[in-house]
Every structure is written in C-alpha cells, then in structure tokens.
Amino acid sequence: MDGNHTVVLIQEAKSSCRGKWYLPAGKIKLGEDVFECAKRETLEESGLVIENTKIFHSEFCKISQDLDLIKYHLTATIAGGSLKTIKQMDEESMQAKWFKICDLKKLDLRGDDIIEEIDQCLHFRLKEKVFQNYLERNQKLKVLQQK
C-alpha cells in the first residue's frame, strides 16, 4: 500500500484460484521468521522488494482438531524491484499490479477478506502517523522548554 491509497495485488497462478487477485501471501519456511517470509513471498509473487515490515494484525485459526494456524498481516514500504508482468508468470503468480483501494470491489478477488485486511492496515497506518506526529510535537515542546 502506498500514500496514494493504492495497493499491490497479485493475480493467482494456482489452479484452485487462477486469475483471481489477492495480496502477496505465503507460508513461513523452516528457519525463517515472519518478516523474512513476507520479504521472500512479496518478491516471488510481485517482483517488489519491501522494507520497514510491521505486523498490524494477527489471528489464530483452528484448521482441524490437529492443526492450528497463526495468520500474520503485515504492512511494508516498497524499497525496489519492479512489478511482475504477465511475461514473467510462474507457479507463484501470473502478474502484479497497483490498484486504487476504491476500485477493489470491481475485481475478481480471491476472497472478500482482502477489503477488511486493507481497512485494518489503513487504520494501523493512520494511528501510527498520529502517534508519530504526537512524538514530534512533544519533542519540539521539550526543546522549547529547555531554552
């Protein structure tokens, strides 16, 4: 997601959801942490390099009696790379594109959960910005008080 209220989505290549749009996602590999996984999956699926990765939401999912799953939802900034094109299609994804958030409901999405996840991310980023502004103002006040 960027400051212009646009988000990168990937077009799925898997047969079960081929052609549908979704957020870059994937499973953590052995020895990898959640942030390394996010960077790897984003690069593999979208062609983009990310940094400043932060968890904004996590949820516990009971898959079966013997299987539990923790889903992490992250936000990051783009540090480089270029969007995967249809010519670069592989088993991970067909392509990646930027979309305006207001246009997402027009797309053939893999799941409606995307809209809610993006909404949660926007709220997280807004709170983060408000808190950063508070800290900056508070720091300026401390400097003024010391003079």
N, C-alpha and C. Protein backbone atom coordinates (compact mmCIF):
# COMPACT_ATOMS: atom_id res chain seq x y z
N MET A 1 0.85 -1.16 0.00
CA MET A 1 0.00 0.00 0.00
C MET A 1 0.90 1.23 0.00
N ASP A 2 0.49 2.25 -0.72
CA ASP A 2 1.30 3.46 -0.73
C ASP A 2 0.47 4.64 -0.23
N GLY A 3 1.06 5.82 -0.22
CA GLY A 3 0.39 7.02 0.28
C GLY A 3 -0.75 7.50 -0.58
N ASN A 4 -0.90 6.97 -1.77
CA ASN A 4 -1.98 7.38 -2.68
C ASN A 4 -3.19 6.46 -2.60
N HIS A 5 -3.28 5.70 -1.54
CA HIS A 5 -4.37 4.74 -1.34
C HIS A 5 -4.47 3.76 -2.50
N THR A 6 -3.31 3.25 -2.89
CA THR A 6 -3.26 2.16 -3.85
C THR A 6 -2.55 0.99 -3.20
N VAL A 7 -2.84 -0.20 -3.70
CA VAL A 7 -2.29 -1.42 -3.12
C VAL A 7 -1.84 -2.35 -4.24
N VAL A 8 -0.77 -3.09 -3.97
CA VAL A 8 -0.30 -4.09 -4.94
C VAL A 8 -1.04 -5.39 -4.71
N LEU A 9 -1.62 -5.92 -5.77
CA LEU A 9 -2.24 -7.24 -5.72
C LEU A 9 -1.55 -8.12 -6.76
N ILE A 10 -1.58 -9.41 -6.48
CA ILE A 10 -1.02 -10.38 -7.43
C ILE A 10 -2.18 -11.17 -8.03
N GLN A 11 -2.01 -11.56 -9.28
CA GLN A 11 -3.01 -12.41 -9.92
C GLN A 11 -2.55 -13.85 -9.75
N GLU A 12 -3.39 -14.63 -9.10
CA GLU A 12 -3.04 -16.00 -8.71
C GLU A 12 -2.79 -16.90 -9.92
N ALA A 13 -1.81 -17.79 -9.78
CA ALA A 13 -1.50 -18.77 -10.82
C ALA A 13 -1.96 -20.18 -10.43
N LYS A 14 -2.21 -20.40 -9.12
CA LYS A 14 -2.64 -21.74 -8.67
C LYS A 14 -3.96 -22.12 -9.33
N SER A 15 -4.09 -23.39 -9.68
CA SER A 15 -5.29 -23.85 -10.40
C SER A 15 -6.58 -23.61 -9.61
N SER A 16 -6.53 -23.68 -8.29
CA SER A 16 -7.73 -23.52 -7.47
C SER A 16 -8.28 -22.09 -7.48
N CYS A 17 -7.44 -21.12 -7.82
CA CYS A 17 -7.90 -19.73 -7.81
C CYS A 17 -7.26 -18.93 -8.96
N ARG A 18 -6.92 -19.58 -10.02
CA ARG A 18 -6.23 -18.97 -11.15
C ARG A 18 -6.98 -17.75 -11.68
N GLY A 19 -6.23 -16.66 -11.84
CA GLY A 19 -6.79 -15.44 -12.40
C GLY A 19 -7.38 -14.49 -11.37
N LYS A 20 -7.60 -14.95 -10.17
CA LYS A 20 -8.17 -14.09 -9.12
C LYS A 20 -7.06 -13.24 -8.51
N TRP A 21 -7.44 -12.10 -7.96
CA TRP A 21 -6.49 -11.16 -7.39
C TRP A 21 -6.44 -11.32 -5.87
N TYR A 22 -5.22 -11.22 -5.33
CA TYR A 22 -5.05 -11.36 -3.88
C TYR A 22 -3.78 -10.62 -3.44
N LEU A 23 -3.65 -10.48 -2.16
CA LEU A 23 -2.45 -9.88 -1.59
C LEU A 23 -1.31 -10.90 -1.63
N PRO A 24 -0.07 -10.45 -1.77
CA PRO A 24 1.04 -11.40 -1.66
C PRO A 24 0.96 -12.11 -0.30
N ALA A 25 1.10 -13.43 -0.32
CA ALA A 25 0.95 -14.21 0.92
C ALA A 25 1.70 -15.52 0.78
N GLY A 26 1.92 -16.17 1.91
CA GLY A 26 2.57 -17.47 1.84
C GLY A 26 2.88 -18.03 3.21
N LYS A 27 3.52 -19.18 3.19
CA LYS A 27 3.85 -19.88 4.43
C LYS A 27 5.31 -19.67 4.79
N ILE A 28 5.55 -19.60 6.10
CA ILE A 28 6.90 -19.45 6.62
C ILE A 28 7.66 -20.76 6.42
N LYS A 29 8.87 -20.65 5.90
CA LYS A 29 9.73 -21.82 5.73
C LYS A 29 10.53 -22.06 7.01
N LEU A 30 10.96 -23.28 7.21
CA LEU A 30 11.75 -23.65 8.37
C LEU A 30 12.98 -22.74 8.47
N GLY A 31 13.19 -22.15 9.65
CA GLY A 31 14.33 -21.27 9.88
C GLY A 31 14.09 -19.82 9.52
N GLU A 32 12.92 -19.51 9.02
CA GLU A 32 12.58 -18.17 8.57
C GLU A 32 11.68 -17.51 9.62
N ASP A 33 11.79 -16.19 9.79
CA ASP A 33 10.83 -15.51 10.65
C ASP A 33 9.75 -14.87 9.77
N VAL A 34 8.74 -14.31 10.40
CA VAL A 34 7.59 -13.77 9.66
C VAL A 34 8.00 -12.64 8.71
N PHE A 35 8.99 -11.84 9.11
CA PHE A 35 9.42 -10.72 8.27
C PHE A 35 10.21 -11.20 7.05
N GLU A 36 11.06 -12.20 7.25
CA GLU A 36 11.80 -12.79 6.13
C GLU A 36 10.83 -13.44 5.15
N CYS A 37 9.82 -14.10 5.68
CA CYS A 37 8.81 -14.73 4.84
C CYS A 37 8.08 -13.68 4.00
N ALA A 38 7.69 -12.58 4.63
CA ALA A 38 6.98 -11.52 3.91
C ALA A 38 7.84 -10.96 2.78
N LYS A 39 9.11 -10.74 3.06
CA LYS A 39 10.01 -10.21 2.02
C LYS A 39 10.16 -11.21 0.87
N ARG A 40 10.36 -12.48 1.20
CA ARG A 40 10.54 -13.51 0.18
C ARG A 40 9.28 -13.67 -0.67
N GLU A 41 8.13 -13.82 -0.01
CA GLU A 41 6.87 -14.03 -0.73
C GLU A 41 6.51 -12.82 -1.60
N THR A 42 6.73 -11.62 -1.08
CA THR A 42 6.42 -10.42 -1.86
C THR A 42 7.29 -10.35 -3.10
N LEU A 43 8.57 -10.64 -2.96
CA LEU A 43 9.47 -10.63 -4.11
C LEU A 43 9.08 -11.72 -5.11
N GLU A 44 8.84 -12.94 -4.63
CA GLU A 44 8.48 -14.05 -5.53
C GLU A 44 7.18 -13.78 -6.28
N GLU A 45 6.19 -13.25 -5.58
CA GLU A 45 4.86 -13.11 -6.18
C GLU A 45 4.65 -11.81 -6.93
N SER A 46 5.30 -10.72 -6.48
CA SER A 46 5.04 -9.41 -7.09
C SER A 46 6.23 -8.82 -7.83
N GLY A 47 7.44 -9.28 -7.50
CA GLY A 47 8.64 -8.69 -8.08
C GLY A 47 9.17 -7.50 -7.30
N LEU A 48 8.50 -7.14 -6.20
CA LEU A 48 8.88 -5.97 -5.42
C LEU A 48 9.69 -6.35 -4.18
N VAL A 49 10.64 -5.47 -3.85
CA VAL A 49 11.44 -5.61 -2.64
C VAL A 49 10.81 -4.70 -1.59
N ILE A 50 10.61 -5.23 -0.37
CA ILE A 50 9.97 -4.43 0.68
C ILE A 50 10.92 -4.24 1.86
N GLU A 51 10.63 -3.20 2.66
CA GLU A 51 11.36 -2.92 3.89
C GLU A 51 10.39 -2.31 4.90
N ASN A 52 10.88 -2.00 6.08
CA ASN A 52 10.04 -1.43 7.15
C ASN A 52 8.78 -2.28 7.38
N THR A 53 8.96 -3.57 7.42
CA THR A 53 7.85 -4.50 7.57
C THR A 53 7.37 -4.52 9.01
N LYS A 54 6.05 -4.38 9.19
CA LYS A 54 5.45 -4.36 10.53
C LYS A 54 4.20 -5.22 10.55
N ILE A 55 3.99 -5.89 11.66
CA ILE A 55 2.75 -6.66 11.85
C ILE A 55 1.68 -5.69 12.32
N PHE A 56 0.54 -5.66 11.64
CA PHE A 56 -0.56 -4.81 12.11
C PHE A 56 -1.72 -5.63 12.66
N HIS A 57 -1.71 -6.94 12.42
CA HIS A 57 -2.79 -7.79 12.92
C HIS A 57 -2.33 -9.24 12.87
N SER A 58 -2.78 -10.02 13.84
CA SER A 58 -2.54 -11.46 13.78
C SER A 58 -3.80 -12.15 14.27
N GLU A 59 -4.01 -13.36 13.79
CA GLU A 59 -5.20 -14.11 14.21
C GLU A 59 -4.89 -15.59 14.29
N PHE A 60 -5.52 -16.22 15.24
CA PHE A 60 -5.38 -17.66 15.46
C PHE A 60 -6.50 -18.37 14.72
N CYS A 61 -6.16 -19.37 13.93
CA CYS A 61 -7.16 -20.12 13.17
C CYS A 61 -7.07 -21.60 13.51
N LYS A 62 -8.18 -22.19 13.84
CA LYS A 62 -8.26 -23.63 14.09
C LYS A 62 -8.63 -24.28 12.76
N ILE A 63 -7.68 -24.95 12.14
CA ILE A 63 -7.90 -25.58 10.84
C ILE A 63 -8.60 -26.93 11.01
N SER A 64 -8.12 -27.71 11.96
CA SER A 64 -8.71 -29.01 12.28
C SER A 64 -8.36 -29.33 13.73
N GLN A 65 -8.80 -30.47 14.20
CA GLN A 65 -8.51 -30.83 15.59
C GLN A 65 -7.01 -30.91 15.84
N ASP A 66 -6.25 -31.28 14.83
CA ASP A 66 -4.81 -31.45 14.98
C ASP A 66 -3.97 -30.31 14.40
N LEU A 67 -4.62 -29.33 13.78
CA LEU A 67 -3.86 -28.29 13.10
C LEU A 67 -4.35 -26.89 13.44
N ASP A 68 -3.44 -26.09 13.97
CA ASP A 68 -3.71 -24.69 14.26
C ASP A 68 -2.82 -23.84 13.36
N LEU A 69 -3.27 -22.62 13.12
CA LEU A 69 -2.54 -21.73 12.24
C LEU A 69 -2.60 -20.32 12.81
N ILE A 70 -1.49 -19.61 12.74
CA ILE A 70 -1.49 -18.19 13.09
C ILE A 70 -1.26 -17.41 11.80
N LYS A 71 -2.20 -16.52 11.49
CA LYS A 71 -2.07 -15.66 10.31
C LYS A 71 -1.52 -14.31 10.76
N TYR A 72 -0.48 -13.85 10.09
CA TYR A 72 0.08 -12.54 10.35
C TYR A 72 -0.24 -11.64 9.17
N HIS A 73 -0.70 -10.44 9.47
CA HIS A 73 -0.99 -9.45 8.44
C HIS A 73 0.04 -8.34 8.62
N LEU A 74 0.75 -8.03 7.54
CA LEU A 74 1.85 -7.08 7.62
C LEU A 74 1.69 -5.92 6.67
N THR A 75 2.37 -4.84 6.99
CA THR A 75 2.47 -3.69 6.11
C THR A 75 3.95 -3.40 5.90
N ALA A 76 4.28 -2.80 4.79
CA ALA A 76 5.68 -2.52 4.47
C ALA A 76 5.76 -1.39 3.46
N THR A 77 6.96 -0.92 3.23
CA THR A 77 7.17 0.07 2.18
C THR A 77 7.98 -0.58 1.05
N ILE A 78 7.77 -0.09 -0.15
CA ILE A 78 8.47 -0.61 -1.32
C ILE A 78 9.88 -0.02 -1.34
N ALA A 79 10.88 -0.88 -1.45
CA ALA A 79 12.28 -0.44 -1.46
C ALA A 79 12.92 -0.61 -2.84
N GLY A 80 12.27 -1.33 -3.73
CA GLY A 80 12.86 -1.56 -5.04
C GLY A 80 12.13 -2.65 -5.80
N GLY A 81 12.78 -3.11 -6.86
CA GLY A 81 12.18 -4.14 -7.69
C GLY A 81 11.24 -3.52 -8.71
N SER A 82 10.59 -4.38 -9.47
CA SER A 82 9.59 -3.92 -10.44
C SER A 82 8.47 -4.95 -10.49
N LEU A 83 7.28 -4.47 -10.77
CA LEU A 83 6.11 -5.35 -10.79
C LEU A 83 6.28 -6.49 -11.78
N LYS A 84 5.91 -7.67 -11.34
CA LYS A 84 5.94 -8.85 -12.21
C LYS A 84 4.93 -8.65 -13.34
N THR A 85 5.35 -8.94 -14.55
CA THR A 85 4.47 -8.83 -15.71
C THR A 85 3.97 -10.21 -16.12
N ILE A 86 2.99 -10.23 -16.98
CA ILE A 86 2.41 -11.49 -17.45
C ILE A 86 3.47 -12.35 -18.15
N LYS A 87 4.48 -11.71 -18.74
CA LYS A 87 5.57 -12.46 -19.39
C LYS A 87 6.45 -13.19 -18.37
N GLN A 88 6.41 -12.74 -17.10
CA GLN A 88 7.21 -13.35 -16.04
C GLN A 88 6.40 -14.35 -15.21
N MET A 89 5.23 -14.69 -15.70
CA MET A 89 4.33 -15.59 -14.98
C MET A 89 5.06 -16.88 -14.59
N ASP A 90 4.78 -17.36 -13.38
CA ASP A 90 5.32 -18.63 -12.90
C ASP A 90 4.29 -19.30 -12.01
N GLU A 91 4.70 -20.34 -11.28
CA GLU A 91 3.75 -21.05 -10.41
C GLU A 91 3.30 -20.22 -9.21
N GLU A 92 4.04 -19.14 -8.89
CA GLU A 92 3.69 -18.27 -7.75
C GLU A 92 2.53 -17.33 -8.10
N SER A 93 2.65 -16.66 -9.25
CA SER A 93 1.64 -15.69 -9.65
C SER A 93 1.75 -15.41 -11.14
N MET A 94 0.67 -14.85 -11.68
CA MET A 94 0.65 -14.52 -13.11
C MET A 94 1.26 -13.14 -13.36
N GLN A 95 0.91 -12.19 -12.48
CA GLN A 95 1.39 -10.82 -12.60
C GLN A 95 1.03 -10.06 -11.33
N ALA A 96 1.54 -8.84 -11.22
CA ALA A 96 1.21 -7.96 -10.10
C ALA A 96 0.89 -6.58 -10.64
N LYS A 97 -0.05 -5.91 -9.99
CA LYS A 97 -0.45 -4.56 -10.42
C LYS A 97 -0.84 -3.73 -9.21
N TRP A 98 -0.71 -2.41 -9.38
CA TRP A 98 -1.22 -1.46 -8.39
C TRP A 98 -2.70 -1.21 -8.69
N PHE A 99 -3.51 -1.15 -7.65
CA PHE A 99 -4.94 -0.83 -7.79
C PHE A 99 -5.33 0.22 -6.76
N LYS A 100 -6.23 1.11 -7.16
CA LYS A 100 -6.81 2.05 -6.20
C LYS A 100 -7.70 1.24 -5.26
N ILE A 101 -7.62 1.56 -3.99
CA ILE A 101 -8.42 0.83 -2.99
C ILE A 101 -9.91 0.93 -3.31
N CYS A 102 -10.34 2.10 -3.79
CA CYS A 102 -11.76 2.29 -4.09
C CYS A 102 -12.23 1.42 -5.27
N ASP A 103 -11.31 0.87 -6.05
CA ASP A 103 -11.68 0.03 -7.20
C ASP A 103 -11.63 -1.47 -6.92
N LEU A 104 -11.24 -1.87 -5.73
CA LEU A 104 -11.03 -3.29 -5.43
C LEU A 104 -12.29 -4.13 -5.58
N LYS A 105 -13.45 -3.58 -5.25
CA LYS A 105 -14.69 -4.36 -5.32
C LYS A 105 -15.07 -4.70 -6.76
N LYS A 106 -14.47 -4.03 -7.73
CA LYS A 106 -14.74 -4.31 -9.14
C LYS A 106 -13.93 -5.51 -9.65
N LEU A 107 -12.93 -5.93 -8.87
CA LEU A 107 -12.03 -7.01 -9.30
C LEU A 107 -12.57 -8.38 -8.92
N ASP A 108 -12.08 -9.38 -9.60
CA ASP A 108 -12.38 -10.77 -9.26
C ASP A 108 -11.37 -11.18 -8.17
N LEU A 109 -11.74 -10.94 -6.91
CA LEU A 109 -10.85 -11.18 -5.78
C LEU A 109 -10.92 -12.63 -5.33
N ARG A 110 -9.81 -13.12 -4.80
CA ARG A 110 -9.77 -14.49 -4.28
C ARG A 110 -10.62 -14.62 -3.02
N GLY A 111 -10.74 -13.53 -2.28
CA GLY A 111 -11.56 -13.55 -1.07
C GLY A 111 -11.94 -12.15 -0.65
N ASP A 112 -13.10 -12.03 -0.03
CA ASP A 112 -13.56 -10.72 0.45
C ASP A 112 -12.75 -10.23 1.64
N ASP A 113 -11.97 -11.12 2.25
CA ASP A 113 -11.16 -10.73 3.41
C ASP A 113 -10.12 -9.66 3.04
N ILE A 114 -9.80 -9.53 1.77
CA ILE A 114 -8.82 -8.53 1.33
C ILE A 114 -9.26 -7.13 1.74
N ILE A 115 -10.53 -6.82 1.51
CA ILE A 115 -11.06 -5.49 1.81
C ILE A 115 -10.90 -5.19 3.30
N GLU A 116 -11.26 -6.14 4.15
CA GLU A 116 -11.14 -5.96 5.60
C GLU A 116 -9.68 -5.82 6.02
N GLU A 117 -8.79 -6.63 5.44
CA GLU A 117 -7.37 -6.55 5.78
C GLU A 117 -6.79 -5.18 5.41
N ILE A 118 -7.16 -4.68 4.25
CA ILE A 118 -6.66 -3.37 3.81
C ILE A 118 -7.22 -2.28 4.71
N ASP A 119 -8.48 -2.39 5.10
CA ASP A 119 -9.09 -1.43 6.02
C ASP A 119 -8.34 -1.43 7.36
N GLN A 120 -8.03 -2.61 7.89
CA GLN A 120 -7.26 -2.70 9.14
C GLN A 120 -5.88 -2.07 8.98
N CYS A 121 -5.27 -2.29 7.83
CA CYS A 121 -3.95 -1.72 7.57
C CYS A 121 -4.02 -0.19 7.52
N LEU A 122 -5.04 0.35 6.87
CA LEU A 122 -5.21 1.81 6.81
C LEU A 122 -5.37 2.40 8.20
N HIS A 123 -6.16 1.74 9.05
CA HIS A 123 -6.33 2.21 10.43
C HIS A 123 -5.01 2.14 11.19
N PHE A 124 -4.27 1.07 11.01
CA PHE A 124 -2.96 0.93 11.67
C PHE A 124 -2.03 2.05 11.24
N ARG A 125 -1.96 2.31 9.94
CA ARG A 125 -1.07 3.35 9.44
C ARG A 125 -1.50 4.74 9.91
N LEU A 126 -2.80 4.98 10.00
CA LEU A 126 -3.30 6.26 10.49
C LEU A 126 -2.90 6.45 11.95
N LYS A 127 -3.11 5.42 12.78
CA LYS A 127 -2.72 5.50 14.19
C LYS A 127 -1.22 5.72 14.32
N GLU A 128 -0.46 5.04 13.49
CA GLU A 128 1.00 5.19 13.51
C GLU A 128 1.40 6.62 13.18
N LYS A 129 0.73 7.21 12.18
CA LYS A 129 1.03 8.58 11.77
C LYS A 129 0.66 9.57 12.87
N VAL A 130 -0.50 9.37 13.48
CA VAL A 130 -0.94 10.24 14.58
C VAL A 130 0.06 10.16 15.73
N PHE A 131 0.48 8.95 16.08
CA PHE A 131 1.43 8.77 17.17
C PHE A 131 2.78 9.42 16.83
N GLN A 132 3.23 9.28 15.59
CA GLN A 132 4.49 9.90 15.17
C GLN A 132 4.39 11.42 15.26
N ASN A 133 3.26 11.99 14.83
CA ASN A 133 3.06 13.44 14.94
C ASN A 133 3.07 13.88 16.39
N TYR A 134 2.44 13.09 17.27
CA TYR A 134 2.43 13.39 18.69
C TYR A 134 3.86 13.42 19.24
N LEU A 135 4.64 12.41 18.90
CA LEU A 135 6.03 12.34 19.38
C LEU A 135 6.84 13.53 18.88
N GLU A 136 6.66 13.89 17.62
CA GLU A 136 7.39 15.03 17.05
C GLU A 136 7.01 16.33 17.75
N ARG A 137 5.71 16.54 17.97
CA ARG A 137 5.26 17.75 18.68
C ARG A 137 5.78 17.76 20.10
N ASN A 138 5.73 16.62 20.76
CA ASN A 138 6.20 16.51 22.14
C ASN A 138 7.70 16.81 22.21
N GLN A 139 8.46 16.34 21.25
CA GLN A 139 9.90 16.59 21.20
C GLN A 139 10.17 18.08 21.02
N LYS A 140 9.40 18.74 20.15
CA LYS A 140 9.57 20.18 19.94
C LYS A 140 9.26 20.95 21.21
N LEU A 141 8.23 20.52 21.95
CA LEU A 141 7.89 21.16 23.22
C LEU A 141 9.02 21.02 24.22
N LYS A 142 9.64 19.86 24.29
CA LYS A 142 10.76 19.63 25.21
C LYS A 142 11.93 20.54 24.87
N VAL A 143 12.19 20.71 23.57
CA VAL A 143 13.28 21.59 23.14
C VAL A 143 12.97 23.02 23.54
N LEU A 144 11.73 23.46 23.34
CA LEU A 144 11.34 24.82 23.71
C LEU A 144 11.42 25.03 25.22
N GLN A 145 11.02 24.03 25.99
CA GLN A 145 11.06 24.13 27.45
C GLN A 145 12.49 24.21 27.97
N GLN A 146 13.42 23.61 27.27
CA GLN A 146 14.82 23.61 27.71
C GLN A 146 15.50 24.94 27.43
N LYS A 147 14.96 25.73 26.53
CA LYS A 147 15.59 27.02 26.18
C LYS A 147 15.34 28.08 27.20
